[in-house]
Amino acid sequence: MTGDEEKVADPEGDVTAPADGDPGDGKSSRARSRPFWQEFLVLVVAALTIALLVKTFVVQAFFIPSASMENTLLIGDKILVSKLTYDFRPIRPGDIVVFDGAGSWDPPAHRPHSSDPVVDLYDVSLRPLLTAIGGLFGTKPGQTDYIKRVIGVPGDHVACCNAQGDVTINGVALHEHSYLFPGDTPSVAPEGYSGRFSLTVPPGRLWVLGDHRDDSLDSRGHVVDPGDGTIPENQVIGRAFVIVWPASRWRVLPVPATFQQHGIVAAAAGAAGATAPYLPLGAGLAVIAPVAVRRRRRRSRSHRG
């Protein structure tokens, strides 16, 4: 083959590249001679981009700022919150969740506009980016972010308390001694608030309580707010699943066994049918499958050629 440049076919049959030893257009030599600081900058930007994507869609770190979940979570604990869990299963009683209370426990979020266009541009572009980068190392829940344990999901009747002083879900008593703050009773509440309640959780809402009942302003303390103290499911940021710092506190955050009782699990499973928890996975497969088939056909044609 004289006068022709030898080519090596790409495995997919879509592009061609110079064979080994071909000087090509010099891009490879330029890449090898790139200064170290440029390569370092590229690595940093790539690492930040990947980290931001993970934080936005997969998992996010939070620091615990208050005593409302003691002794399950202590002030200063660093936890990881999964943002994918509820794409594959519904929220269940016993889960520890981080959620945004804006519009339920707090007034709707409002960002004031500045008369200075430069300041306004910074507020909508750089400020969120810098905040997100800072949050890579762990975010303290903000003024509208909370962490609590889910007690009731849509359709559950939750009440406090029965004759034995226990919180009940659909008439099934919770045995909470394994996670309540030592000395707390299920019905104890912060001074000025009632620990008593009885309601059916509305569709799309959750009833949540803190593990330190005597120091937790939870659903019981927000009964005068929209939703009668319940919070919207779609405001849940994710499920707290592990304590990662300090090292001495490292442990997984499981759902307590008392929430596995019949009458609680069955009700949660029944509610799951309407939420289509596998819909995102099905949508992903629907997109990927045609692409995979097309690539396979290209490869087959390339082999036949």
Protein backbone atom coordinates (compact mmCIF):
# COMPACT_ATOMS: atom_id res chain seq x y z
CA MET A 1 0.00 0.00 0.00
CA THR A 2 2.26 2.81 -1.30
CA GLY A 3 1.53 6.48 -0.89
CA ASP A 4 -1.32 5.84 1.49
CA GLU A 5 -1.22 6.52 5.27
CA GLU A 6 -1.84 3.30 7.19
CA LYS A 7 -4.83 3.63 9.59
CA VAL A 8 -5.82 1.67 12.68
CA ALA A 9 -9.60 1.25 12.99
CA ASP A 10 -11.27 2.31 16.23
CA PRO A 11 -12.96 -0.70 17.96
CA GLU A 12 -16.33 0.93 17.36
CA GLY A 13 -15.63 1.51 13.67
CA ASP A 14 -16.56 5.19 13.98
CA VAL A 15 -13.23 7.00 13.94
CA THR A 16 -9.70 6.39 12.66
CA ALA A 17 -6.35 7.28 14.17
CA PRO A 18 -2.75 7.27 12.92
CA ALA A 19 -0.91 3.98 13.40
CA ASP A 20 1.82 3.65 15.99
CA GLY A 21 4.88 5.66 15.03
CA ASP A 22 2.93 8.15 12.89
CA PRO A 23 3.82 11.67 13.98
CA GLY A 24 0.22 12.73 13.22
CA ASP A 25 -0.34 16.45 13.78
CA GLY A 26 1.93 16.84 16.80
CA LYS A 27 -0.83 16.89 19.39
CA SER A 28 0.67 13.98 21.35
CA SER A 29 4.06 15.68 21.66
CA ARG A 30 2.39 18.92 22.74
CA ALA A 31 0.40 17.02 25.39
CA ARG A 32 3.60 15.41 26.71
CA SER A 33 5.33 18.77 26.92
CA ARG A 34 2.44 20.49 28.73
CA PRO A 35 3.69 22.32 31.88
CA PHE A 36 3.05 20.62 35.23
CA TRP A 37 0.87 23.48 36.52
CA GLN A 38 -1.48 23.08 33.56
CA GLU A 39 -1.84 19.35 34.15
CA PHE A 40 -2.36 19.97 37.88
CA LEU A 41 -5.06 22.58 37.13
CA VAL A 42 -6.86 20.17 34.80
CA LEU A 43 -6.76 17.47 37.47
CA VAL A 44 -8.14 19.85 40.11
CA VAL A 45 -10.97 21.04 37.86
CA ALA A 46 -11.83 17.45 36.89
CA ALA A 47 -11.79 16.35 40.55
CA LEU A 48 -14.03 19.26 41.60
CA THR A 49 -16.43 18.58 38.74
CA ILE A 50 -16.74 14.92 39.66
CA ALA A 51 -17.10 15.76 43.35
CA LEU A 52 -19.85 18.32 42.64
CA LEU A 53 -21.72 15.81 40.48
CA VAL A 54 -21.48 13.21 43.25
CA LYS A 55 -22.65 15.76 45.85
CA THR A 56 -25.55 16.90 43.68
CA PHE A 57 -26.86 13.53 42.58
CA VAL A 58 -25.37 10.74 44.73
CA VAL A 59 -24.23 11.52 48.27
CA GLN A 60 -23.69 14.61 50.42
CA ALA A 61 -21.92 15.13 53.75
CA PHE A 62 -23.55 17.03 56.63
CA PHE A 63 -22.38 18.07 60.08
CA ILE A 64 -24.89 17.74 62.94
CA PRO A 65 -25.48 21.18 64.54
CA SER A 66 -27.90 20.36 67.38
CA ALA A 67 -28.80 17.81 70.05
CA SER A 68 -32.24 16.90 68.63
CA MET A 69 -31.12 13.44 67.44
CA GLU A 70 -28.97 12.45 70.45
CA ASN A 71 -27.67 9.92 71.23
CA THR A 72 -28.05 8.52 67.71
CA LEU A 73 -26.30 11.60 66.31
CA LEU A 74 -24.14 13.92 68.39
CA ILE A 75 -23.28 17.55 67.81
CA GLY A 76 -20.33 17.67 65.41
CA ASP A 77 -20.91 14.22 63.90
CA LYS A 78 -20.29 14.12 60.16
CA ILE A 79 -22.80 11.96 58.28
CA LEU A 80 -23.29 10.91 54.68
CA VAL A 81 -26.71 11.32 53.10
CA SER A 82 -27.69 9.17 50.11
CA LYS A 83 -29.63 10.97 47.39
CA LEU A 84 -30.25 7.79 45.39
CA THR A 85 -31.97 5.60 48.00
CA TYR A 86 -35.44 6.94 47.31
CA ASP A 87 -35.05 6.55 43.56
CA PHE A 88 -35.18 2.79 44.20
CA ARG A 89 -37.45 2.44 47.21
CA PRO A 90 -39.98 4.58 49.07
CA ILE A 91 -39.33 6.44 52.30
CA ARG A 92 -40.05 4.10 55.23
CA PRO A 93 -40.78 4.55 58.93
CA GLY A 94 -37.53 4.45 60.88
CA ASP A 95 -35.41 6.14 58.19
CA ILE A 96 -33.32 9.14 59.26
CA VAL A 97 -33.75 11.86 56.64
CA VAL A 98 -32.42 15.32 55.89
CA PHE A 99 -35.06 17.61 54.41
CA ASP A 100 -35.69 21.22 53.47
CA GLY A 101 -38.38 22.75 55.66
CA ALA A 102 -38.93 25.83 53.46
CA GLY A 103 -42.65 26.12 52.77
CA SER A 104 -43.67 23.73 55.56
CA TRP A 105 -41.86 24.43 58.83
CA ASP A 106 -40.36 27.68 57.53
CA PRO A 107 -41.51 30.44 55.16
CA PRO A 108 -40.87 29.74 51.46
CA ALA A 109 -37.31 30.50 50.41
CA HIS A 110 -36.89 33.97 48.97
CA ARG A 111 -33.73 35.47 47.49
CA PRO A 112 -33.77 39.29 47.48
CA HIS A 113 -32.63 40.90 44.24
CA SER A 114 -29.90 43.51 44.37
CA SER A 115 -30.12 46.79 42.49
CA ASP A 116 -26.50 46.24 41.48
CA PRO A 117 -26.47 43.90 38.42
CA VAL A 118 -22.93 42.71 39.26
CA VAL A 119 -23.99 41.66 42.77
CA ASP A 120 -27.12 40.03 41.38
CA LEU A 121 -25.06 38.09 38.81
CA TYR A 122 -22.71 36.95 41.58
CA ASP A 123 -25.68 35.78 43.69
CA VAL A 124 -27.07 33.59 40.91
CA SER A 125 -23.77 32.23 39.57
CA LEU A 126 -20.61 32.30 41.67
CA ARG A 127 -22.19 32.29 45.13
CA PRO A 128 -24.04 28.95 44.63
CA LEU A 129 -20.90 27.46 43.03
CA LEU A 130 -18.63 28.53 45.90
CA THR A 131 -21.20 27.35 48.45
CA ALA A 132 -21.40 23.99 46.69
CA ILE A 133 -17.59 23.66 46.64
CA GLY A 134 -17.41 24.53 50.33
CA GLY A 135 -20.09 21.93 51.01
CA LEU A 136 -17.89 19.19 49.58
CA PHE A 137 -16.18 19.03 52.97
CA GLY A 138 -19.42 18.76 54.93
CA THR A 139 -22.44 21.03 55.21
CA LYS A 140 -24.16 22.07 58.38
CA PRO A 141 -27.92 21.89 57.80
CA GLY A 142 -29.00 25.46 57.13
CA GLN A 143 -31.80 27.43 58.71
CA THR A 144 -34.34 25.49 56.67
CA ASP A 145 -32.59 22.09 56.62
CA TYR A 146 -33.43 19.54 59.31
CA ILE A 147 -32.56 15.96 60.23
CA LYS A 148 -35.21 13.77 61.89
CA ARG A 149 -36.45 10.19 62.03
CA VAL A 150 -39.49 9.29 59.91
CA ILE A 151 -42.33 7.92 62.06
CA GLY A 152 -45.29 7.99 59.69
CA VAL A 153 -45.56 7.82 55.88
CA PRO A 154 -48.62 8.64 53.76
CA GLY A 155 -51.74 6.82 55.01
CA ASP A 156 -50.27 5.86 58.39
CA HIS A 157 -52.21 6.72 61.53
CA VAL A 158 -49.67 7.90 64.09
CA ALA A 159 -50.50 8.60 67.71
CA CYS A 160 -48.97 9.27 71.11
CA CYS A 161 -49.54 7.59 73.25
CA ASN A 162 -51.29 4.29 74.09
CA ALA A 163 -52.03 3.06 77.64
CA GLN A 164 -48.41 1.91 78.00
CA GLY A 165 -47.06 5.31 76.91
CA ASP A 166 -45.81 4.14 73.51
CA VAL A 167 -46.04 5.88 70.14
CA THR A 168 -48.16 3.79 67.76
CA ILE A 169 -48.27 3.41 63.98
CA ASN A 170 -51.57 1.97 62.72
CA GLY A 171 -52.16 0.70 66.26
CA VAL A 172 -48.77 -1.08 66.44
CA ALA A 173 -46.68 0.07 69.42
CA LEU A 174 -43.09 1.19 68.85
CA HIS A 175 -40.49 0.00 71.34
CA GLU A 176 -38.12 2.96 71.14
CA HIS A 177 -35.69 2.35 74.00
CA SER A 178 -32.91 1.35 71.56
CA TYR A 179 -32.63 4.84 70.03
CA LEU A 180 -34.36 7.36 72.33
CA PHE A 181 -32.12 9.62 74.41
CA PRO A 182 -31.50 8.01 77.81
CA GLY A 183 -34.15 9.16 80.26
CA ASP A 184 -36.58 10.39 77.58
CA THR A 185 -40.05 8.92 77.34
CA PRO A 186 -41.82 8.71 73.95
CA SER A 187 -44.24 11.49 74.92
CA VAL A 188 -41.80 14.00 76.44
CA ALA A 189 -41.45 17.27 74.51
CA PRO A 190 -39.59 20.60 74.79
CA GLU A 191 -41.05 23.00 77.33
CA GLY A 192 -44.14 24.75 75.99
CA TYR A 193 -45.01 22.01 73.47
CA SER A 194 -47.23 18.95 73.71
CA GLY A 195 -45.87 15.50 73.08
CA ARG A 196 -49.36 14.18 72.35
CA PHE A 197 -50.68 13.74 68.81
CA SER A 198 -53.07 11.65 66.76
CA LEU A 199 -53.45 12.01 63.00
CA THR A 200 -53.44 10.21 59.67
CA VAL A 201 -50.48 11.31 57.55
CA PRO A 202 -51.79 12.98 54.34
CA PRO A 203 -50.72 11.86 50.84
CA GLY A 204 -47.26 13.06 49.91
CA ARG A 205 -46.37 13.98 53.51
CA LEU A 206 -44.29 12.57 56.40
CA TRP A 207 -44.52 12.75 60.21
CA VAL A 208 -41.05 13.05 61.75
CA LEU A 209 -39.66 13.11 65.29
CA GLY A 210 -36.26 13.58 66.91
CA ASP A 211 -34.64 10.85 68.98
CA HIS A 212 -34.02 13.34 71.80
CA ARG A 213 -37.72 14.03 72.34
CA ASP A 214 -37.12 16.50 75.16
CA ASP A 215 -34.89 18.66 72.93
CA SER A 216 -36.43 18.26 69.47
CA LEU A 217 -38.73 20.80 67.85
CA ASP A 218 -40.12 18.28 65.34
CA SER A 219 -43.54 17.63 63.78
CA ARG A 220 -45.16 18.03 67.21
CA GLY A 221 -43.90 21.61 67.43
CA HIS A 222 -45.13 22.61 63.97
CA VAL A 223 -48.80 21.61 64.11
CA VAL A 224 -49.79 25.23 63.44
CA ASP A 225 -47.71 25.33 60.24
CA PRO A 226 -48.87 24.21 56.76
CA GLY A 227 -49.35 20.44 56.76
CA ASP A 228 -50.15 20.32 60.50
CA GLY A 229 -46.54 19.51 61.29
CA THR A 230 -45.98 17.05 58.43
CA ILE A 231 -43.32 17.70 55.78
CA PRO A 232 -43.50 17.12 52.00
CA GLU A 233 -41.88 13.93 50.70
CA ASN A 234 -40.47 15.87 47.74
CA GLN A 235 -38.49 18.11 50.10
CA VAL A 236 -36.45 15.20 51.42
CA ILE A 237 -32.80 15.64 50.41
CA GLY A 238 -31.84 12.07 51.21
CA ARG A 239 -31.39 9.30 53.77
CA ALA A 240 -28.63 9.50 56.39
CA PHE A 241 -26.93 6.11 56.28
CA VAL A 242 -23.53 6.36 58.00
CA ILE A 243 -21.53 8.42 60.52
CA VAL A 244 -18.05 8.99 59.07
CA TRP A 245 -16.52 11.39 61.58
CA PRO A 246 -15.11 11.39 64.20
CA ALA A 247 -13.45 8.05 63.53
CA SER A 248 -14.44 6.74 66.95
CA ARG A 249 -18.10 7.29 66.02
CA TRP A 250 -18.01 5.52 62.64
CA ARG A 251 -21.06 3.32 62.18
CA VAL A 252 -23.94 2.56 59.83
CA LEU A 253 -27.37 4.01 60.68
CA PRO A 254 -29.81 1.08 60.32
CA VAL A 255 -33.58 1.14 60.65
CA PRO A 256 -34.41 -0.03 64.21
CA ALA A 257 -35.97 -3.48 64.45
CA THR A 258 -39.19 -2.16 65.98
CA PHE A 259 -40.14 -0.63 62.60
CA GLN A 260 -40.07 -4.11 61.01
CA GLN A 261 -43.26 -5.18 62.81
CA HIS A 262 -46.22 -6.40 60.79
CA GLY A 263 -48.67 -3.57 60.31
CA ILE A 264 -45.88 -1.06 59.86
CA VAL A 265 -43.91 -2.81 57.11
CA ALA A 266 -47.08 -3.97 55.31
CA ALA A 267 -48.51 -0.45 55.24
CA ALA A 268 -45.25 1.01 53.91
CA ALA A 269 -45.07 -1.69 51.22
CA GLY A 270 -48.65 -0.91 50.16
CA ALA A 271 -47.84 2.77 49.78
CA ALA A 272 -44.79 1.89 47.66
CA GLY A 273 -46.91 0.65 44.78
CA ALA A 274 -48.11 4.13 43.94
CA THR A 275 -44.66 5.71 44.05
CA ALA A 276 -43.11 3.64 41.24
CA PRO A 277 -39.68 3.61 42.96
CA TYR A 278 -38.03 1.86 39.99
CA LEU A 279 -39.25 4.41 37.45
CA PRO A 280 -35.85 6.23 37.21
CA LEU A 281 -34.08 2.92 36.60
CA GLY A 282 -36.60 1.97 33.92
CA ALA A 283 -36.21 5.36 32.27
CA GLY A 284 -32.44 4.93 32.28
CA LEU A 285 -32.70 1.51 30.65
CA ALA A 286 -35.11 2.88 28.07
CA VAL A 287 -32.49 5.45 27.05
CA ILE A 288 -29.47 3.15 27.20
CA ALA A 289 -30.96 0.12 25.42
CA PRO A 290 -31.38 1.76 21.94
CA VAL A 291 -27.84 3.19 22.17
CA ALA A 292 -26.43 -0.24 23.03
CA VAL A 293 -28.31 -1.89 20.15
CA ARG A 294 -27.09 0.75 17.69
CA ARG A 295 -23.48 0.34 18.78
CA ARG A 296 -23.76 -3.44 18.48
CA ARG A 297 -25.09 -3.12 14.91
CA ARG A 298 -22.21 -0.81 13.97
CA ARG A 299 -19.71 -3.28 15.37
CA SER A 300 -21.34 -6.14 13.48
CA ARG A 301 -21.22 -4.21 10.19
CA SER A 302 -17.57 -3.34 10.81
CA HIS A 303 -16.67 -7.02 11.28
CA ARG A 304 -18.53 -8.05 8.14
CA GLY A 305 -16.75 -5.32 6.15
